[in-house]
Full PDB file with SEQRES, HELIX, SHEET, SSBOND, CRYST1, ORIGX, SCALE, CONECT and MASTER records, all heavy atoms in Angstrom:
SEQRES   1 A   42  GLY VAL SER CYS ILE GLY SER SER GLY ARG SER THR TYR          
SEQRES   2 A   42  TYR ALA ASP SER VAL LYS GLY ARG PHE THR ILE SER ARG          
SEQRES   3 A   42  ASP SER ALA ALA ASN THR VAL TYR LEU GLN MET SER SER          
SEQRES   4 A   42  LEU LYS PRO                                                  
SHEET    1 AA1 2 SER A   3  ILE A   5  0                                        
SHEET    2 AA1 2 THR A  12  TYR A  14 -1                                        
SHEET    1 AA2 2 PHE A  22  ASP A  27  0                                        
SHEET    2 AA2 2 THR A  32  MET A  37 -1                                        
CRYST1    1.000    1.000    1.000  90.00  90.00  90.00 P 1           1          
ORIGX1      1.000000  0.000000  0.000000        0.00000                         
ORIGX2      0.000000  1.000000  0.000000        0.00000                         
ORIGX3      0.000000  0.000000  1.000000        0.00000                         
SCALE1      1.000000  0.000000  0.000000        0.00000                         
SCALE2      0.000000  1.000000  0.000000        0.00000                         
SCALE3      0.000000  0.000000  1.000000        0.00000                         
ATOM      1  N   GLY A   1      -1.499 -15.809  -9.268  1.00  0.00           N  
ATOM      2  CA  GLY A   1      -0.328 -15.617 -10.114  1.00  0.00           C  
ATOM      3  C   GLY A   1       0.790 -15.079  -9.314  1.00  0.00           C  
ATOM      4  O   GLY A   1       0.737 -13.996  -8.813  1.00  0.00           O  
ATOM      5  N   VAL A   2       1.898 -15.832  -9.215  1.00  0.00           N  
ATOM      6  CA  VAL A   2       3.042 -15.476  -8.372  1.00  0.00           C  
ATOM      7  C   VAL A   2       3.997 -14.626  -9.159  1.00  0.00           C  
ATOM      8  O   VAL A   2       4.420 -13.546  -8.716  1.00  0.00           O  
ATOM      9  CB  VAL A   2       3.732 -16.716  -7.847  1.00  0.00           C  
ATOM     10  CG1 VAL A   2       4.955 -16.361  -7.138  1.00  0.00           C  
ATOM     11  CG2 VAL A   2       2.780 -17.539  -6.986  1.00  0.00           C  
ATOM     12  N   SER A   3       4.398 -15.095 -10.280  1.00  0.00           N  
ATOM     13  CA  SER A   3       5.344 -14.358 -11.129  1.00  0.00           C  
ATOM     14  C   SER A   3       5.189 -14.786 -12.552  1.00  0.00           C  
ATOM     15  O   SER A   3       5.166 -16.042 -12.827  1.00  0.00           O  
ATOM     16  CB  SER A   3       6.780 -14.679 -10.638  1.00  0.00           C  
ATOM     17  OG  SER A   3       7.662 -13.886 -11.376  1.00  0.00           O  
ATOM     18  N   CYS A   4       5.227 -13.862 -13.489  1.00  0.00           N  
ATOM     19  CA  CYS A   4       5.066 -14.206 -14.852  1.00  0.00           C  
ATOM     20  C   CYS A   4       5.909 -13.307 -15.731  1.00  0.00           C  
ATOM     21  O   CYS A   4       6.202 -12.154 -15.384  1.00  0.00           O  
ATOM     22  CB  CYS A   4       3.596 -14.007 -15.376  1.00  0.00           C  
ATOM     23  SG  CYS A   4       2.429 -15.127 -14.553  1.00  0.00           S  
ATOM     24  N   ILE A   5       6.398 -13.819 -16.877  1.00  0.00           N  
ATOM     25  CA  ILE A   5       7.195 -13.093 -17.850  1.00  0.00           C  
ATOM     26  C   ILE A   5       6.361 -12.973 -19.098  1.00  0.00           C  
ATOM     27  O   ILE A   5       5.739 -13.906 -19.572  1.00  0.00           O  
ATOM     28  CB  ILE A   5       8.457 -13.801 -18.166  1.00  0.00           C  
ATOM     29  CG1 ILE A   5       9.357 -13.962 -16.892  1.00  0.00           C  
ATOM     30  CG2 ILE A   5       9.295 -13.012 -19.252  1.00  0.00           C  
ATOM     31  CD1 ILE A   5      10.640 -14.767 -17.133  1.00  0.00           C  
ATOM     32  N   GLY A   6       6.251 -11.773 -19.646  1.00  0.00           N  
ATOM     33  CA  GLY A   6       5.463 -11.546 -20.867  1.00  0.00           C  
ATOM     34  C   GLY A   6       6.028 -12.302 -22.056  1.00  0.00           C  
ATOM     35  O   GLY A   6       7.228 -12.682 -22.060  1.00  0.00           O  
ATOM     36  N   SER A   7       5.281 -12.408 -23.075  1.00  0.00           N  
ATOM     37  CA  SER A   7       5.677 -13.162 -24.237  1.00  0.00           C  
ATOM     38  C   SER A   7       6.873 -12.604 -24.947  1.00  0.00           C  
ATOM     39  O   SER A   7       7.638 -13.318 -25.572  1.00  0.00           O  
ATOM     40  CB  SER A   7       4.503 -13.198 -25.243  1.00  0.00           C  
ATOM     41  OG  SER A   7       4.067 -11.955 -25.631  1.00  0.00           O  
ATOM     42  N   SER A   8       7.067 -11.337 -24.763  1.00  0.00           N  
ATOM     43  CA  SER A   8       8.269 -10.690 -25.364  1.00  0.00           C  
ATOM     44  C   SER A   8       9.536 -10.996 -24.595  1.00  0.00           C  
ATOM     45  O   SER A   8      10.622 -10.791 -25.057  1.00  0.00           O  
ATOM     46  CB  SER A   8       8.088  -9.186 -25.503  1.00  0.00           C  
ATOM     47  OG  SER A   8       8.091  -8.586 -24.203  1.00  0.00           O  
ATOM     48  N   GLY A   9       9.360 -11.397 -23.328  1.00  0.00           N  
ATOM     49  CA  GLY A   9      10.472 -11.616 -22.481  1.00  0.00           C  
ATOM     50  C   GLY A   9      10.939 -10.365 -21.761  1.00  0.00           C  
ATOM     51  O   GLY A   9      11.996 -10.388 -21.020  1.00  0.00           O  
ATOM     52  N   ARG A  10      10.378  -9.223 -22.066  1.00  0.00           N  
ATOM     53  CA  ARG A  10      10.868  -7.958 -21.548  1.00  0.00           C  
ATOM     54  C   ARG A  10      10.190  -7.505 -20.235  1.00  0.00           C  
ATOM     55  O   ARG A  10      10.723  -6.761 -19.445  1.00  0.00           O  
ATOM     56  CB  ARG A  10      10.763  -6.869 -22.568  1.00  0.00           C  
ATOM     57  CG  ARG A  10      11.601  -7.099 -23.798  1.00  0.00           C  
ATOM     58  CD  ARG A  10      11.613  -5.800 -24.675  1.00  0.00           C  
ATOM     59  NE  ARG A  10      10.337  -5.431 -25.166  1.00  0.00           N  
ATOM     60  CZ  ARG A  10       9.813  -5.801 -26.317  1.00  0.00           C  
ATOM     61  NH1 ARG A  10      10.507  -6.637 -27.123  1.00  0.00           N  
ATOM     62  NH2 ARG A  10       8.665  -5.380 -26.696  1.00  0.00           N  
ATOM     63  N   SER A  11       8.957  -7.997 -20.068  1.00  0.00           N  
ATOM     64  CA  SER A  11       8.175  -7.584 -18.848  1.00  0.00           C  
ATOM     65  C   SER A  11       8.059  -8.678 -17.858  1.00  0.00           C  
ATOM     66  O   SER A  11       7.733  -9.835 -18.255  1.00  0.00           O  
ATOM     67  CB  SER A  11       6.824  -7.055 -19.297  1.00  0.00           C  
ATOM     68  OG  SER A  11       6.039  -8.032 -19.850  1.00  0.00           O  
ATOM     69  N   THR A  12       8.266  -8.409 -16.644  1.00  0.00           N  
ATOM     70  CA  THR A  12       8.194  -9.381 -15.565  1.00  0.00           C  
ATOM     71  C   THR A  12       7.262  -8.885 -14.466  1.00  0.00           C  
ATOM     72  O   THR A  12       7.355  -7.723 -14.069  1.00  0.00           O  
ATOM     73  CB  THR A  12       9.572  -9.706 -15.010  1.00  0.00           C  
ATOM     74  OG1 THR A  12      10.404 -10.172 -16.002  1.00  0.00           O  
ATOM     75  CG2 THR A  12       9.464 -10.810 -13.942  1.00  0.00           C  
ATOM     76  N   TYR A  13       6.447  -9.724 -13.989  1.00  0.00           N  
ATOM     77  CA  TYR A  13       5.468  -9.384 -12.969  1.00  0.00           C  
ATOM     78  C   TYR A  13       5.705 -10.269 -11.655  1.00  0.00           C  
ATOM     79  O   TYR A  13       5.984 -11.414 -11.821  1.00  0.00           O  
ATOM     80  CB  TYR A  13       4.043  -9.611 -13.397  1.00  0.00           C  
ATOM     81  CG  TYR A  13       3.026  -9.550 -12.277  1.00  0.00           C  
ATOM     82  CD1 TYR A  13       2.421  -8.385 -11.904  1.00  0.00           C  
ATOM     83  CD2 TYR A  13       2.571 -10.743 -11.732  1.00  0.00           C  
ATOM     84  CE1 TYR A  13       1.460  -8.409 -10.837  1.00  0.00           C  
ATOM     85  CE2 TYR A  13       1.658 -10.760 -10.643  1.00  0.00           C  
ATOM     86  CZ  TYR A  13       1.081  -9.607 -10.305  1.00  0.00           C  
ATOM     87  OH  TYR A  13       0.174  -9.569  -9.237  1.00  0.00           O  
ATOM     88  N   TYR A  14       5.604  -9.670 -10.524  1.00  0.00           N  
ATOM     89  CA  TYR A  14       5.592 -10.376  -9.244  1.00  0.00           C  
ATOM     90  C   TYR A  14       4.463  -9.928  -8.435  1.00  0.00           C  
ATOM     91  O   TYR A  14       4.129  -8.723  -8.342  1.00  0.00           O  
ATOM     92  CB  TYR A  14       6.917 -10.054  -8.509  1.00  0.00           C  
ATOM     93  CG  TYR A  14       8.226 -10.655  -9.130  1.00  0.00           C  
ATOM     94  CD1 TYR A  14       9.010  -9.838  -9.915  1.00  0.00           C  
ATOM     95  CD2 TYR A  14       8.546 -11.950  -8.931  1.00  0.00           C  
ATOM     96  CE1 TYR A  14      10.104 -10.378 -10.537  1.00  0.00           C  
ATOM     97  CE2 TYR A  14       9.679 -12.449  -9.456  1.00  0.00           C  
ATOM     98  CZ  TYR A  14      10.506 -11.645 -10.314  1.00  0.00           C  
ATOM     99  OH  TYR A  14      11.653 -12.193 -10.888  1.00  0.00           O  
ATOM    100  N   ALA A  15       3.827 -10.881  -7.868  1.00  0.00           N  
ATOM    101  CA  ALA A  15       2.797 -10.557  -6.877  1.00  0.00           C  
ATOM    102  C   ALA A  15       3.387  -9.784  -5.703  1.00  0.00           C  
ATOM    103  O   ALA A  15       4.537 -10.043  -5.321  1.00  0.00           O  
ATOM    104  CB  ALA A  15       2.044 -11.820  -6.353  1.00  0.00           C  
ATOM    105  N   ASP A  16       2.633  -8.844  -5.165  1.00  0.00           N  
ATOM    106  CA  ASP A  16       3.174  -8.035  -4.053  1.00  0.00           C  
ATOM    107  C   ASP A  16       3.616  -8.844  -2.920  1.00  0.00           C  
ATOM    108  O   ASP A  16       4.581  -8.540  -2.193  1.00  0.00           O  
ATOM    109  CB  ASP A  16       2.056  -7.057  -3.581  1.00  0.00           C  
ATOM    110  CG  ASP A  16       1.828  -5.943  -4.536  1.00  0.00           C  
ATOM    111  OD1 ASP A  16       2.665  -5.724  -5.451  1.00  0.00           O  
ATOM    112  OD2 ASP A  16       0.739  -5.301  -4.414  1.00  0.00           O  
ATOM    113  N   SER A  17       2.951 -10.021  -2.704  1.00  0.00           N  
ATOM    114  CA  SER A  17       3.348 -10.839  -1.566  1.00  0.00           C  
ATOM    115  C   SER A  17       4.663 -11.536  -1.691  1.00  0.00           C  
ATOM    116  O   SER A  17       5.228 -11.987  -0.662  1.00  0.00           O  
ATOM    117  CB  SER A  17       2.242 -11.914  -1.358  1.00  0.00           C  
ATOM    118  OG  SER A  17       2.101 -12.717  -2.507  1.00  0.00           O  
ATOM    119  N   VAL A  18       5.229 -11.620  -2.863  1.00  0.00           N  
ATOM    120  CA  VAL A  18       6.494 -12.274  -3.060  1.00  0.00           C  
ATOM    121  C   VAL A  18       7.563 -11.347  -3.648  1.00  0.00           C  
ATOM    122  O   VAL A  18       8.745 -11.792  -3.653  1.00  0.00           O  
ATOM    123  CB  VAL A  18       6.335 -13.501  -4.043  1.00  0.00           C  
ATOM    124  CG1 VAL A  18       5.206 -14.471  -3.512  1.00  0.00           C  
ATOM    125  CG2 VAL A  18       6.057 -13.055  -5.472  1.00  0.00           C  
ATOM    126  N   LYS A  19       7.250 -10.161  -3.992  1.00  0.00           N  
ATOM    127  CA  LYS A  19       8.201  -9.261  -4.612  1.00  0.00           C  
ATOM    128  C   LYS A  19       9.333  -9.043  -3.614  1.00  0.00           C  
ATOM    129  O   LYS A  19       9.170  -8.785  -2.414  1.00  0.00           O  
ATOM    130  CB  LYS A  19       7.589  -7.992  -4.999  1.00  0.00           C  
ATOM    131  CG  LYS A  19       8.451  -7.117  -5.837  1.00  0.00           C  
ATOM    132  CD  LYS A  19       7.705  -5.895  -6.379  1.00  0.00           C  
ATOM    133  CE  LYS A  19       8.519  -5.093  -7.376  1.00  0.00           C  
ATOM    134  NZ  LYS A  19       7.789  -3.967  -7.922  1.00  0.00           N  
ATOM    135  N   GLY A  20      10.567  -9.175  -4.128  1.00  0.00           N  
ATOM    136  CA  GLY A  20      11.793  -9.017  -3.270  1.00  0.00           C  
ATOM    137  C   GLY A  20      12.285 -10.281  -2.679  1.00  0.00           C  
ATOM    138  O   GLY A  20      13.433 -10.338  -2.177  1.00  0.00           O  
ATOM    139  N   ARG A  21      11.447 -11.395  -2.767  1.00  0.00           N  
ATOM    140  CA  ARG A  21      11.844 -12.656  -2.198  1.00  0.00           C  
ATOM    141  C   ARG A  21      11.996 -13.714  -3.279  1.00  0.00           C  
ATOM    142  O   ARG A  21      12.785 -14.651  -3.123  1.00  0.00           O  
ATOM    143  CB  ARG A  21      10.788 -13.101  -1.128  1.00  0.00           C  
ATOM    144  CG  ARG A  21      10.712 -12.127  -0.026  1.00  0.00           C  
ATOM    145  CD  ARG A  21       9.817 -12.662   1.106  1.00  0.00           C  
ATOM    146  NE  ARG A  21       8.403 -12.896   0.711  1.00  0.00           N  
ATOM    147  CZ  ARG A  21       7.838 -14.122   0.593  1.00  0.00           C  
ATOM    148  NH1 ARG A  21       8.529 -15.179   1.010  1.00  0.00           N  
ATOM    149  NH2 ARG A  21       6.645 -14.161   0.197  1.00  0.00           N  
ATOM    150  N   PHE A  22      11.140 -13.630  -4.302  1.00  0.00           N  
ATOM    151  CA  PHE A  22      11.112 -14.656  -5.363  1.00  0.00           C  
ATOM    152  C   PHE A  22      11.705 -14.020  -6.622  1.00  0.00           C  
ATOM    153  O   PHE A  22      11.604 -12.852  -6.863  1.00  0.00           O  
ATOM    154  CB  PHE A  22       9.664 -15.047  -5.673  1.00  0.00           C  
ATOM    155  CG  PHE A  22       9.057 -15.871  -4.631  1.00  0.00           C  
ATOM    156  CD1 PHE A  22       9.588 -16.004  -3.311  1.00  0.00           C  
ATOM    157  CD2 PHE A  22       7.804 -16.510  -4.863  1.00  0.00           C  
ATOM    158  CE1 PHE A  22       8.997 -16.778  -2.349  1.00  0.00           C  
ATOM    159  CE2 PHE A  22       7.214 -17.269  -3.938  1.00  0.00           C  
ATOM    160  CZ  PHE A  22       7.753 -17.443  -2.627  1.00  0.00           C  
ATOM    161  N   THR A  23      12.367 -14.828  -7.381  1.00  0.00           N  
ATOM    162  CA  THR A  23      12.903 -14.439  -8.700  1.00  0.00           C  
ATOM    163  C   THR A  23      12.558 -15.532  -9.738  1.00  0.00           C  
ATOM    164  O   THR A  23      12.837 -16.670  -9.575  1.00  0.00           O  
ATOM    165  CB  THR A  23      14.408 -14.298  -8.579  1.00  0.00           C  
ATOM    166  OG1 THR A  23      14.717 -13.276  -7.660  1.00  0.00           O  
ATOM    167  CG2 THR A  23      14.928 -13.753  -9.961  1.00  0.00           C  
ATOM    168  N   ILE A  24      11.973 -15.066 -10.899  1.00  0.00           N  
ATOM    169  CA  ILE A  24      11.703 -15.996 -11.964  1.00  0.00           C  
ATOM    170  C   ILE A  24      12.817 -15.848 -12.978  1.00  0.00           C  
ATOM    171  O   ILE A  24      13.328 -14.746 -13.220  1.00  0.00           O  
ATOM    172  CB  ILE A  24      10.324 -15.704 -12.571  1.00  0.00           C  
ATOM    173  CG1 ILE A  24       9.936 -16.751 -13.616  1.00  0.00           C  
ATOM    174  CG2 ILE A  24      10.224 -14.332 -13.189  1.00  0.00           C  
ATOM    175  CD1 ILE A  24       8.530 -16.678 -14.075  1.00  0.00           C  
ATOM    176  N   SER A  25      13.173 -16.989 -13.616  1.00  0.00           N  
ATOM    177  CA  SER A  25      14.200 -16.957 -14.591  1.00  0.00           C  
ATOM    178  C   SER A  25      13.942 -18.046 -15.644  1.00  0.00           C  
ATOM    179  O   SER A  25      13.136 -18.966 -15.406  1.00  0.00           O  
ATOM    180  CB  SER A  25      15.578 -17.070 -14.056  1.00  0.00           C  
ATOM    181  OG  SER A  25      15.761 -18.300 -13.358  1.00  0.00           O  
ATOM    182  N   ARG A  26      14.662 -17.991 -16.771  1.00  0.00           N  
ATOM    183  CA  ARG A  26      14.464 -18.947 -17.862  1.00  0.00           C  
ATOM    184  C   ARG A  26      15.805 -19.341 -18.429  1.00  0.00           C  
ATOM    185  O   ARG A  26      16.622 -18.461 -18.660  1.00  0.00           O  
ATOM    186  CB  ARG A  26      13.533 -18.302 -18.948  1.00  0.00           C  
ATOM    187  CG  ARG A  26      13.323 -19.165 -20.183  1.00  0.00           C  
ATOM    188  CD  ARG A  26      12.409 -18.491 -21.102  1.00  0.00           C  
ATOM    189  NE  ARG A  26      12.801 -17.122 -21.396  1.00  0.00           N  
ATOM    190  CZ  ARG A  26      11.982 -16.149 -21.894  1.00  0.00           C  
ATOM    191  NH1 ARG A  26      10.673 -16.466 -22.099  1.00  0.00           N  
ATOM    192  NH2 ARG A  26      12.405 -14.970 -22.107  1.00  0.00           N  
ATOM    193  N   ASP A  27      15.938 -20.607 -18.597  1.00  0.00           N  
ATOM    194  CA  ASP A  27      17.197 -21.133 -19.215  1.00  0.00           C  
ATOM    195  C   ASP A  27      16.715 -21.671 -20.548  1.00  0.00           C  
ATOM    196  O   ASP A  27      16.176 -22.722 -20.705  1.00  0.00           O  
ATOM    197  CB  ASP A  27      17.775 -22.271 -18.371  1.00  0.00           C  
ATOM    198  CG  ASP A  27      19.045 -22.876 -18.959  1.00  0.00           C  
ATOM    199  OD1 ASP A  27      19.266 -22.753 -20.148  1.00  0.00           O  
ATOM    200  OD2 ASP A  27      19.892 -23.318 -18.145  1.00  0.00           O  
ATOM    201  N   SER A  28      17.114 -20.898 -21.597  1.00  0.00           N  
ATOM    202  CA  SER A  28      16.656 -21.271 -22.958  1.00  0.00           C  
ATOM    203  C   SER A  28      17.213 -22.601 -23.395  1.00  0.00           C  
ATOM    204  O   SER A  28      16.500 -23.400 -24.047  1.00  0.00           O  
ATOM    205  CB  SER A  28      17.059 -20.115 -23.961  1.00  0.00           C  
ATOM    206  OG  SER A  28      16.365 -18.906 -23.553  1.00  0.00           O  
ATOM    207  N   ALA A  29      18.473 -22.773 -23.091  1.00  0.00           N  
ATOM    208  CA  ALA A  29      19.094 -24.018 -23.532  1.00  0.00           C  
ATOM    209  C   ALA A  29      18.466 -25.290 -23.007  1.00  0.00           C  
ATOM    210  O   ALA A  29      18.311 -26.293 -23.647  1.00  0.00           O  
ATOM    211  CB  ALA A  29      20.609 -24.042 -23.192  1.00  0.00           C  
ATOM    212  N   ALA A  30      18.025 -25.177 -21.726  1.00  0.00           N  
ATOM    213  CA  ALA A  30      17.397 -26.298 -21.103  1.00  0.00           C  
ATOM    214  C   ALA A  30      15.909 -26.258 -21.229  1.00  0.00           C  
ATOM    215  O   ALA A  30      15.111 -27.173 -20.811  1.00  0.00           O  
ATOM    216  CB  ALA A  30      17.719 -26.306 -19.582  1.00  0.00           C  
ATOM    217  N   ASN A  31      15.358 -25.190 -21.866  1.00  0.00           N  
ATOM    218  CA  ASN A  31      13.953 -24.998 -22.041  1.00  0.00           C  
ATOM    219  C   ASN A  31      13.173 -25.214 -20.699  1.00  0.00           C  
ATOM    220  O   ASN A  31      12.209 -25.862 -20.592  1.00  0.00           O  
ATOM    221  CB  ASN A  31      13.370 -25.989 -23.035  1.00  0.00           C  
ATOM    222  CG  ASN A  31      12.124 -25.578 -23.748  1.00  0.00           C  
ATOM    223  OD1 ASN A  31      11.913 -24.334 -23.910  1.00  0.00           O  
ATOM    224  ND2 ASN A  31      11.207 -26.413 -24.131  1.00  0.00           N  
ATOM    225  N   THR A  32      13.723 -24.469 -19.726  1.00  0.00           N  
ATOM    226  CA  THR A  32      13.255 -24.638 -18.356  1.00  0.00           C  
ATOM    227  C   THR A  32      13.035 -23.250 -17.736  1.00  0.00           C  
ATOM    228  O   THR A  32      13.820 -22.353 -17.915  1.00  0.00           O  
ATOM    229  CB  THR A  32      14.284 -25.447 -17.472  1.00  0.00           C  
ATOM    230  OG1 THR A  32      14.384 -26.716 -18.072  1.00  0.00           O  
ATOM    231  CG2 THR A  32      13.849 -25.608 -16.073  1.00  0.00           C  
ATOM    232  N   VAL A  33      12.009 -23.150 -16.949  1.00  0.00           N  
ATOM    233  CA  VAL A  33      11.723 -21.908 -16.173  1.00  0.00           C  
ATOM    234  C   VAL A  33      11.919 -22.213 -14.716  1.00  0.00           C  
ATOM    235  O   VAL A  33      11.586 -23.370 -14.248  1.00  0.00           O  
ATOM    236  CB  VAL A  33      10.316 -21.319 -16.460  1.00  0.00           C  
ATOM    237  CG1 VAL A  33       9.276 -22.391 -16.089  1.00  0.00           C  
ATOM    238  CG2 VAL A  33      10.117 -20.024 -15.763  1.00  0.00           C  
ATOM    239  N   TYR A  34      12.453 -21.253 -13.937  1.00  0.00           N  
ATOM    240  CA  TYR A  34      12.832 -21.456 -12.510  1.00  0.00           C  
ATOM    241  C   TYR A  34      12.064 -20.445 -11.721  1.00  0.00           C  
ATOM    242  O   TYR A  34      11.783 -19.275 -12.187  1.00  0.00           O  
ATOM    243  CB  TYR A  34      14.261 -21.347 -12.297  1.00  0.00           C  
ATOM    244  CG  TYR A  34      15.119 -22.358 -13.082  1.00  0.00           C  
ATOM    245  CD1 TYR A  34      15.700 -22.015 -14.289  1.00  0.00           C  
ATOM    246  CD2 TYR A  34      15.365 -23.640 -12.557  1.00  0.00           C  
ATOM    247  CE1 TYR A  34      16.429 -22.906 -15.009  1.00  0.00           C  
ATOM    248  CE2 TYR A  34      16.157 -24.525 -13.312  1.00  0.00           C  
ATOM    249  CZ  TYR A  34      16.694 -24.225 -14.502  1.00  0.00           C  
ATOM    250  OH  TYR A  34      17.452 -25.048 -15.237  1.00  0.00           O  
ATOM    251  N   LEU A  35      11.851 -20.774 -10.485  1.00  0.00           N  
ATOM    252  CA  LEU A  35      11.386 -19.828  -9.468  1.00  0.00           C  
ATOM    253  C   LEU A  35      12.281 -19.964  -8.228  1.00  0.00           C  
ATOM    254  O   LEU A  35      12.158 -20.971  -7.533  1.00  0.00           O  
ATOM    255  CB  LEU A  35       9.940 -20.056  -9.110  1.00  0.00           C  
ATOM    256  CG  LEU A  35       9.336 -19.023  -8.187  1.00  0.00           C  
ATOM    257  CD1 LEU A  35       9.244 -17.642  -8.859  1.00  0.00           C  
ATOM    258  CD2 LEU A  35       7.936 -19.462  -7.647  1.00  0.00           C  
ATOM    259  N   GLN A  36      13.130 -19.030  -8.058  1.00  0.00           N  
ATOM    260  CA  GLN A  36      13.993 -18.977  -6.872  1.00  0.00           C  
ATOM    261  C   GLN A  36      13.248 -18.343  -5.774  1.00  0.00           C  
ATOM    262  O   GLN A  36      12.809 -17.201  -5.887  1.00  0.00           O  
ATOM    263  CB  GLN A  36      15.312 -18.307  -7.118  1.00  0.00           C  
ATOM    264  CG  GLN A  36      16.182 -18.199  -5.938  1.00  0.00           C  
ATOM    265  CD  GLN A  36      16.700 -19.571  -5.458  1.00  0.00           C  
ATOM    266  OE1 GLN A  36      17.201 -20.329  -6.231  1.00  0.00           O  
ATOM    267  NE2 GLN A  36      16.580 -19.779  -4.157  1.00  0.00           N  
ATOM    268  N   MET A  37      12.994 -19.072  -4.643  1.00  0.00           N  
ATOM    269  CA  MET A  37      12.227 -18.546  -3.591  1.00  0.00           C  
ATOM    270  C   MET A  37      13.133 -18.430  -2.338  1.00  0.00           C  
ATOM    271  O   MET A  37      13.696 -19.384  -1.854  1.00  0.00           O  
ATOM    272  CB  MET A  37      11.039 -19.442  -3.304  1.00  0.00           C  
ATOM    273  CG  MET A  37      10.169 -19.772  -4.401  1.00  0.00           C  
ATOM    274  SD  MET A  37       8.686 -20.691  -4.012  1.00  0.00           S  
ATOM    275  CE  MET A  37       9.475 -22.232  -3.579  1.00  0.00           C  
ATOM    276  N   SER A  38      13.155 -17.260  -1.751  1.00  0.00           N  
ATOM    277  CA  SER A  38      13.987 -17.002  -0.557  1.00  0.00           C  
ATOM    278  C   SER A  38      13.167 -16.351   0.495  1.00  0.00           C  
ATOM    279  O   SER A  38      12.046 -15.883   0.247  1.00  0.00           O  
ATOM    280  CB  SER A  38      15.205 -16.079  -0.887  1.00  0.00           C  
ATOM    281  OG  SER A  38      15.985 -16.639  -1.877  1.00  0.00           O  
ATOM    282  N   SER A  39      13.647 -16.418   1.753  1.00  0.00           N  
ATOM    283  CA  SER A  39      12.930 -15.808   2.856  1.00  0.00           C  
ATOM    284  C   SER A  39      11.483 -16.309   2.936  1.00  0.00           C  
ATOM    285  O   SER A  39      10.553 -15.540   3.113  1.00  0.00           O  
ATOM    286  CB  SER A  39      12.954 -14.299   2.784  1.00  0.00           C  
ATOM    287  OG  SER A  39      14.293 -13.873   2.822  1.00  0.00           O  
ATOM    288  N   LEU A  40      11.340 -17.604   2.769  1.00  0.00           N  
ATOM    289  CA  LEU A  40      10.052 -18.184   2.710  1.00  0.00           C  
ATOM    290  C   LEU A  40       9.282 -17.956   3.997  1.00  0.00           C  
ATOM    291  O   LEU A  40       9.805 -18.057   5.124  1.00  0.00           O  
ATOM    292  CB  LEU A  40      10.149 -19.683   2.399  1.00  0.00           C  
ATOM    293  CG  LEU A  40      10.473 -19.966   0.896  1.00  0.00           C  
ATOM    294  CD1 LEU A  40      10.983 -21.401   0.726  1.00  0.00           C  
ATOM    295  CD2 LEU A  40       9.214 -19.727   0.062  1.00  0.00           C  
ATOM    296  N   LYS A  41       7.970 -17.820   3.848  1.00  0.00           N  
ATOM    297  CA  LYS A  41       7.013 -17.640   4.922  1.00  0.00           C  
ATOM    298  C   LYS A  41       5.990 -18.754   4.913  1.00  0.00           C  
ATOM    299  O   LYS A  41       5.736 -19.308   3.915  1.00  0.00           O  
ATOM    300  CB  LYS A  41       6.333 -16.266   4.827  1.00  0.00           C  
ATOM    301  CG  LYS A  41       7.228 -15.079   4.694  1.00  0.00           C  
ATOM    302  CD  LYS A  41       6.442 -13.825   4.390  1.00  0.00           C  
ATOM    303  CE  LYS A  41       7.378 -12.673   4.255  1.00  0.00           C  
ATOM    304  NZ  LYS A  41       6.606 -11.393   4.016  1.00  0.00           N  
ATOM    305  N   PRO A  42       5.407 -19.033   6.089  1.00  0.00           N  
ATOM    306  CA  PRO A  42       4.359 -20.061   6.151  1.00  0.00           C  
ATOM    307  C   PRO A  42       3.260 -19.793   5.146  1.00  0.00           C  
ATOM    308  O   PRO A  42       2.697 -20.762   4.599  1.00  0.00           O  
ATOM    309  CB  PRO A  42       3.853 -20.005   7.603  1.00  0.00           C  
ATOM    310  CG  PRO A  42       5.049 -19.573   8.319  1.00  0.00           C  
ATOM    311  CD  PRO A  42       5.747 -18.562   7.396  1.00  0.00           C  
TER     312      PRO A  42                                                      
MASTER        0    0    0    0    4    0    0    6  311    1    0    4          
END                                                                             
């Protein structure tokens, strides 16, 4: 599990290995979830 948002939308979890580098977000209008990944590692 890399990153998850709770059903309420208020709690967000990031795995320790990606915290600070990855960001999860949701576009309600597009009904789409995103994962922005930066400083990627092998």
